[in-house]
Amino acid sequence: MPAARARDLESIDLFIQTGIDIDTLDSFGNTALIKAGSEGQIEAVEKIFGLGAD
């Protein structure tokens, strides 16, 4: 989920509203939560975690 890296909170909401699974893995096996955390995107981490990410 590229929005997780960019701290694009509105796009994160849009992805969830369209039915994308928050725990989907990218081609490297990372979830949006892992990617946001590794990029230091605290607001995105809080948002994704609040949406029920594992």
Protein backbone atom coordinates (compact mmCIF):
# COMPACT_ATOMS: atom_id res chain seq x y z
CA MET A 1 0.00 0.00 0.00
CA PRO A 2 2.01 3.01 -1.24
CA ALA A 3 -0.15 5.36 0.80
CA ALA A 4 1.35 3.92 3.98
CA ARG A 5 4.81 5.11 2.99
CA ALA A 6 3.61 8.52 1.90
CA ARG A 7 1.59 9.17 5.08
CA ASP A 8 -1.45 9.66 2.87
CA LEU A 9 -4.15 9.01 5.46
CA GLU A 10 -7.04 9.84 3.12
CA SER A 11 -5.86 7.25 0.60
CA ILE A 12 -5.55 4.65 3.35
CA ASP A 13 -9.23 5.25 4.17
CA LEU A 14 -10.14 5.05 0.48
CA PHE A 15 -8.33 1.73 0.04
CA ILE A 16 -10.18 0.27 3.02
CA GLN A 17 -13.55 1.57 1.79
CA THR A 18 -12.99 -0.11 -1.57
CA GLY A 19 -12.42 -3.45 0.15
CA ILE A 20 -8.65 -3.82 0.09
CA ASP A 21 -7.47 -6.06 2.94
CA ILE A 22 -5.30 -4.01 5.32
CA ASP A 23 -3.07 -7.05 5.85
CA THR A 24 -2.31 -7.64 2.15
CA LEU A 25 1.35 -8.42 1.50
CA ASP A 26 3.43 -6.56 -1.07
CA SER A 27 5.89 -8.30 -3.40
CA PHE A 28 8.47 -8.34 -0.57
CA GLY A 29 6.10 -9.87 1.99
CA ASN A 30 5.47 -6.64 3.91
CA THR A 31 2.11 -5.38 5.11
CA ALA A 32 1.12 -1.72 5.08
CA LEU A 33 1.72 -1.63 8.84
CA ILE A 34 5.28 -2.93 8.47
CA LYS A 35 6.03 -0.58 5.58
CA ALA A 36 4.68 2.49 7.38
CA GLY A 37 6.64 1.59 10.50
CA SER A 38 9.87 1.06 8.60
CA GLU A 39 9.44 4.48 6.98
CA GLY A 40 8.81 6.18 10.34
CA GLN A 41 5.27 7.18 9.37
CA ILE A 42 3.80 7.27 12.88
CA GLU A 43 0.43 8.74 11.87
CA ALA A 44 0.00 6.08 9.19
CA VAL A 45 0.99 3.33 11.67
CA GLU A 46 -1.62 4.56 14.14
CA LYS A 47 -4.25 4.77 11.39
CA ILE A 48 -3.51 1.30 9.99
CA PHE A 49 -3.34 -0.28 13.45
CA GLY A 50 -6.62 1.41 14.34
CA LEU A 51 -8.20 -0.21 11.29
CA GLY A 52 -7.38 -3.63 12.73
CA ALA A 53 -4.10 -4.49 11.03
CA ASP A 54 -2.16 -7.42 12.46
